[in-house]
Protein backbone atom coordinates (compact mmCIF):
# COMPACT_ATOMS: atom_id res chain seq x y z
CA MET A 1 -70.31 66.52 40.31
CA LEU A 2 -73.90 68.02 40.00
CA ALA A 3 -74.91 70.42 42.99
CA VAL A 4 -78.40 71.88 43.88
CA ALA A 5 -78.68 74.35 46.85
CA PRO A 6 -81.78 75.04 48.23
CA PRO A 7 -82.06 77.51 51.32
CA LEU A 8 -81.13 75.20 54.23
CA PHE A 9 -79.29 72.33 52.29
CA THR A 10 -76.83 71.48 49.64
CA VAL A 11 -77.19 68.26 47.92
CA ALA A 12 -74.22 66.68 45.80
CA LEU A 13 -74.72 63.56 43.63
CA ALA A 14 -71.34 61.93 42.42
CA ALA A 15 -71.53 58.81 40.13
CA PRO A 16 -67.85 57.14 40.16
CA THR A 17 -67.61 54.21 37.94
CA GLU A 18 -65.64 51.01 37.58
CA ALA A 19 -65.50 48.14 34.96
CA HIS A 20 -69.16 47.10 34.63
CA ALA A 21 -70.51 48.68 37.73
CA TRP A 22 -71.62 52.17 38.76
CA SER A 23 -72.14 53.47 41.90
CA LEU A 24 -74.14 56.59 43.17
CA ALA A 25 -73.50 58.59 46.23
CA ALA A 26 -75.66 61.45 47.52
CA ALA A 27 -74.43 64.04 50.44
CA VAL A 28 -76.60 66.40 52.17
CA PHE A 29 -75.00 69.26 53.83
CA CYS A 30 -76.85 71.44 56.41
CA ASN A 31 -76.29 75.07 55.49
CA SER A 32 -77.35 76.50 58.70
CA CYS A 33 -76.80 74.05 61.40
CA ALA A 34 -74.46 74.42 64.22
CA SER A 35 -72.81 71.18 63.64
CA PRO A 36 -71.75 70.17 60.11
CA TYR A 37 -73.73 66.77 59.92
CA ILE A 38 -73.35 65.16 56.55
CA TRP A 39 -75.66 62.10 55.64
CA PHE A 40 -74.44 59.66 52.82
CA VAL A 41 -76.76 57.39 50.70
CA VAL A 42 -74.51 55.07 48.57
CA ALA A 43 -76.10 52.75 46.00
CA HIS A 44 -74.24 50.17 43.90
CA TRP A 45 -75.02 48.49 40.70
CA PRO A 46 -75.34 45.44 39.96
CA PRO A 47 -76.09 44.60 43.42
CA HIS A 48 -74.67 41.24 43.61
CA LYS A 49 -71.02 42.50 42.04
CA GLN A 50 -68.25 41.50 44.38
CA LEU A 51 -65.96 44.55 44.83
CA ARG A 52 -62.15 44.16 44.37
CA ASN A 53 -61.80 45.20 48.04
CA PRO A 54 -65.01 44.66 49.59
CA GLU A 55 -65.65 47.51 52.22
CA VAL A 56 -68.32 49.55 53.81
CA ILE A 57 -67.53 53.16 54.83
CA VAL A 58 -69.74 54.74 57.51
CA ALA A 59 -68.67 58.29 56.79
CA SER A 60 -69.19 61.57 58.31
CA ALA A 61 -67.67 65.02 58.72
CA PHE A 62 -65.62 64.51 61.89
CA LEU A 63 -62.60 62.29 60.64
CA PRO A 64 -60.57 63.56 57.94
CA GLN A 65 -59.53 61.39 54.95
CA ASP A 66 -56.01 61.40 55.79
CA ARG A 67 -56.68 60.13 59.38
CA ARG A 68 -59.15 57.50 57.92
CA ALA A 69 -56.39 56.54 55.39
CA ALA A 70 -53.93 56.33 57.93
CA ARG A 71 -56.08 53.86 60.33
CA ILE A 72 -56.70 51.71 57.42
CA GLU A 73 -52.91 51.50 56.81
CA VAL A 74 -52.15 50.50 60.53
CA VAL A 75 -54.74 47.70 60.60
CA GLU A 76 -53.47 46.37 57.37
CA GLN A 77 -49.94 46.41 58.47
CA HIS A 78 -51.22 44.74 61.89
CA VAL A 79 -52.59 41.92 60.02
CA ARG A 80 -49.66 41.76 57.58
CA LEU A 81 -47.17 41.30 60.42
CA GLU A 82 -49.65 38.54 62.12
CA ASN A 83 -49.31 36.62 59.09
CA GLU A 84 -45.62 37.14 59.20
CA HIS A 85 -45.50 36.03 63.02
CA ASP A 86 -43.63 39.24 63.60
CA LEU A 87 -44.63 39.63 67.41
CA GLU A 88 -42.35 42.69 67.76
CA GLY A 89 -43.68 44.34 64.49
CA VAL A 90 -47.44 43.59 65.89
CA LEU A 91 -46.54 44.98 69.09
CA ARG A 92 -45.50 48.39 67.23
CA THR A 93 -48.77 48.85 65.83
CA PHE A 94 -50.18 49.56 69.12
CA GLY A 95 -50.01 52.99 71.11
CA GLU A 96 -48.89 53.28 74.18
CA ALA A 97 -52.48 52.34 75.91
CA ALA A 98 -52.56 48.75 74.19
CA LYS A 99 -55.41 46.26 75.29
CA TYR A 100 -56.60 43.11 73.74
CA ASP A 101 -60.10 41.51 74.53
CA ASP A 102 -60.74 38.15 73.84
CA GLU A 103 -64.49 38.32 74.32
CA PRO A 104 -65.58 34.44 73.88
CA TRP A 105 -63.17 33.84 76.88
CA ASN A 106 -63.95 36.82 78.62
CA GLU A 107 -60.23 37.60 78.84
CA HIS A 108 -58.74 41.17 78.67
CA TYR A 109 -55.33 41.95 78.51
CA GLU A 110 -54.10 45.47 79.38
CA GLY A 111 -50.85 47.22 78.58
CA ARG A 112 -48.04 46.25 75.97
CA ASN A 113 -46.97 43.41 78.37
CA GLY A 114 -50.43 42.09 78.46
CA VAL A 115 -51.05 42.23 74.75
CA ARG A 116 -47.48 40.43 74.17
CA GLN A 117 -48.81 37.80 76.68
CA PHE A 118 -51.71 37.02 74.41
CA TYR A 119 -49.84 36.86 71.22
CA GLU A 120 -47.03 34.45 72.74
CA GLN A 121 -49.77 32.15 73.40
CA LEU A 122 -51.55 32.33 70.25
CA MET A 123 -48.15 31.95 68.02
CA LYS A 124 -46.83 29.25 70.05
CA ALA A 125 -50.30 27.42 69.66
CA LEU A 126 -50.44 27.97 66.01
CA PRO A 127 -47.07 28.66 64.63
CA ASP A 128 -48.61 28.65 61.23
CA LEU A 129 -51.26 30.97 61.86
CA GLU A 130 -52.79 32.53 58.64
CA ILE A 131 -55.53 35.36 58.71
CA GLN A 132 -57.50 35.95 55.75
CA VAL A 133 -59.36 39.24 55.42
CA GLN A 134 -63.03 38.63 53.84
CA HIS A 135 -64.58 42.01 54.34
CA ARG A 136 -63.75 45.47 55.97
CA HIS A 137 -66.07 48.21 57.57
CA VAL A 138 -64.88 51.66 58.61
CA SER A 139 -66.28 54.19 60.52
CA ASP A 140 -65.16 57.36 62.46
CA ASP A 141 -64.84 55.23 65.85
CA ALA A 142 -63.30 52.15 64.82
CA ILE A 143 -62.52 49.49 61.84
CA LEU A 144 -63.91 46.09 62.04
CA LEU A 145 -62.40 43.26 59.76
CA GLU A 146 -64.56 40.01 59.29
CA VAL A 147 -61.63 37.13 58.80
CA VAL A 148 -61.16 33.66 58.61
CA ILE A 149 -58.47 32.24 60.96
CA ARG A 150 -56.45 28.99 59.94
CA GLY A 151 -53.70 27.30 61.68
CA THR A 152 -52.36 23.99 63.18
CA HIS A 153 -52.44 23.28 66.72
CA LEU A 154 -48.91 22.46 67.51
CA GLY A 155 -48.10 24.08 70.92
CA GLY A 156 -50.12 23.76 74.29
CA TRP A 157 -53.21 26.29 74.50
CA ARG A 158 -55.30 26.68 77.59
CA GLY A 159 -54.02 23.67 79.15
CA LEU A 160 -54.72 21.64 76.24
CA PRO A 161 -51.38 19.75 74.78
CA ALA A 162 -50.83 20.07 71.01
CA THR A 163 -53.36 17.75 69.21
CA GLY A 164 -51.68 18.44 65.77
CA ARG A 165 -55.14 19.34 64.19
CA ARG A 166 -56.07 21.77 61.68
CA VAL A 167 -58.49 24.70 63.05
CA GLU A 168 -60.28 27.01 60.58
CA PHE A 169 -62.93 29.36 61.93
CA PRO A 170 -64.50 32.84 61.09
CA LEU A 171 -63.67 35.75 63.50
CA CYS A 172 -64.83 39.32 63.72
CA GLY A 173 -61.98 42.03 64.96
CA VAL A 174 -62.79 45.37 66.26
CA TYR A 175 -59.79 47.78 66.14
CA THR A 176 -60.04 51.19 67.96
CA PHE A 177 -57.32 53.98 67.93
CA ASP A 178 -55.58 56.64 69.76
CA ALA A 179 -55.26 60.32 69.23
CA SER A 180 -51.80 59.35 67.07
CA ASP A 181 -54.09 56.80 65.24
CA ARG A 182 -52.13 54.03 66.49
CA LEU A 183 -54.13 51.05 67.81
CA ALA A 184 -55.55 51.52 71.42
CA GLY A 185 -57.22 48.17 71.22
CA GLU A 186 -58.43 45.13 69.43
CA LYS A 187 -61.14 43.01 70.49
CA ILE A 188 -62.10 39.71 68.98
CA TYR A 189 -65.43 37.74 68.78
CA TYR A 190 -65.59 34.14 67.53
CA ASP A 191 -67.38 30.68 68.26
CA ARG A 192 -64.99 28.89 70.82
CA GLY A 193 -67.23 25.83 70.51
CA THR A 194 -66.20 25.61 66.78
CA VAL A 195 -62.55 25.56 67.81
CA LEU A 196 -62.85 23.12 70.56
CA ARG A 197 -64.83 20.87 68.47
CA GLN A 198 -62.01 21.13 65.54
CA LEU A 199 -59.48 20.28 68.33
CA GLY A 200 -61.46 17.19 69.28
CA VAL A 201 -62.24 18.18 72.79
CA PHE A 202 -66.03 18.96 72.14
CA HIS A 203 -68.89 17.20 70.86
CA GLU A 204 -72.38 17.94 70.14
CA PRO A 205 -74.64 17.05 72.53
CA GLN A 206 -76.91 15.29 69.91
CA SER A 207 -73.80 12.85 68.84
CA VAL A 208 -73.12 9.52 70.52
CA LEU A 209 -69.56 11.12 71.78
CA GLY A 210 -71.26 14.08 73.04
CA GLN A 211 -73.88 11.96 75.15
CA ILE A 212 -71.09 9.89 76.40
CA SER A 213 -68.99 12.76 77.25
CA THR A 214 -71.96 14.82 78.70
CA PHE A 215 -72.98 11.85 80.99
CA ALA A 216 -69.22 11.48 82.30
CA THR A 217 -68.72 14.99 83.25
CA HIS A 218 -72.08 15.92 84.22
CA PRO A 219 -73.93 12.97 85.48
CA TRP A 220 -76.12 14.43 88.22
CA THR A 221 -77.43 17.12 85.81
CA VAL A 222 -78.03 14.54 83.21
CA LEU A 223 -79.95 11.99 85.84
CA ARG A 224 -81.71 15.13 87.13
CA ALA A 225 -82.88 15.83 83.56
CA PHE A 226 -83.94 12.22 82.99
CA GLY A 227 -85.84 12.22 86.18
CA ARG A 228 -87.77 15.19 85.24
CA MET A 229 -88.59 13.65 81.83
CA LEU A 230 -90.12 10.56 83.69
CA PHE A 231 -92.08 12.72 86.24
CA ARG A 232 -93.80 14.45 83.50
CA GLN A 233 -94.68 11.37 81.84
């Protein structure tokens, strides 16, 4: 560790290493500021090297390291219990003020009963649900996971009977925490069109099936569009 201390700032450099790679972190401490802000700059070489656990950490002085570690542990436990299809265990990772937001459908589940309802539907629809974490991003306010969801549609879901089809799609989950560092909420983002296409109920408008289904379900919209095209010609 090398420290340089000018009158107003302290600059600390550290170079932690791992096999065939190096990292450089620089932290600038404001010695005379009222608030203990810290700025971090991190470089990694080689730039294409895949870390064993890909992770981006946005750090500051406000969240102690032990609380950061506790939150990461809760999220890891949460995903593990989801993969084990342990509904009660999943619910225990939430604090008292539980909330689940399924943003693509604009659905919001409040309280433990609401969160239970979401997971009961999910685990019934995909009894072999598998969540594979791709990347983790950690900040003082939240933890974000980039994951891949896999499963077989063996139960009813949103009025659609079981199709027996496999689904696989990327998803981003945002986890927030309460004062006890339990989950306060989980918010998910994904492309629902991809899910519906894999289930066989959605077709791209450019395809033959897409054109037929579009005309069958929205005939007046198609006829008006066709009329406007003829009028312009």
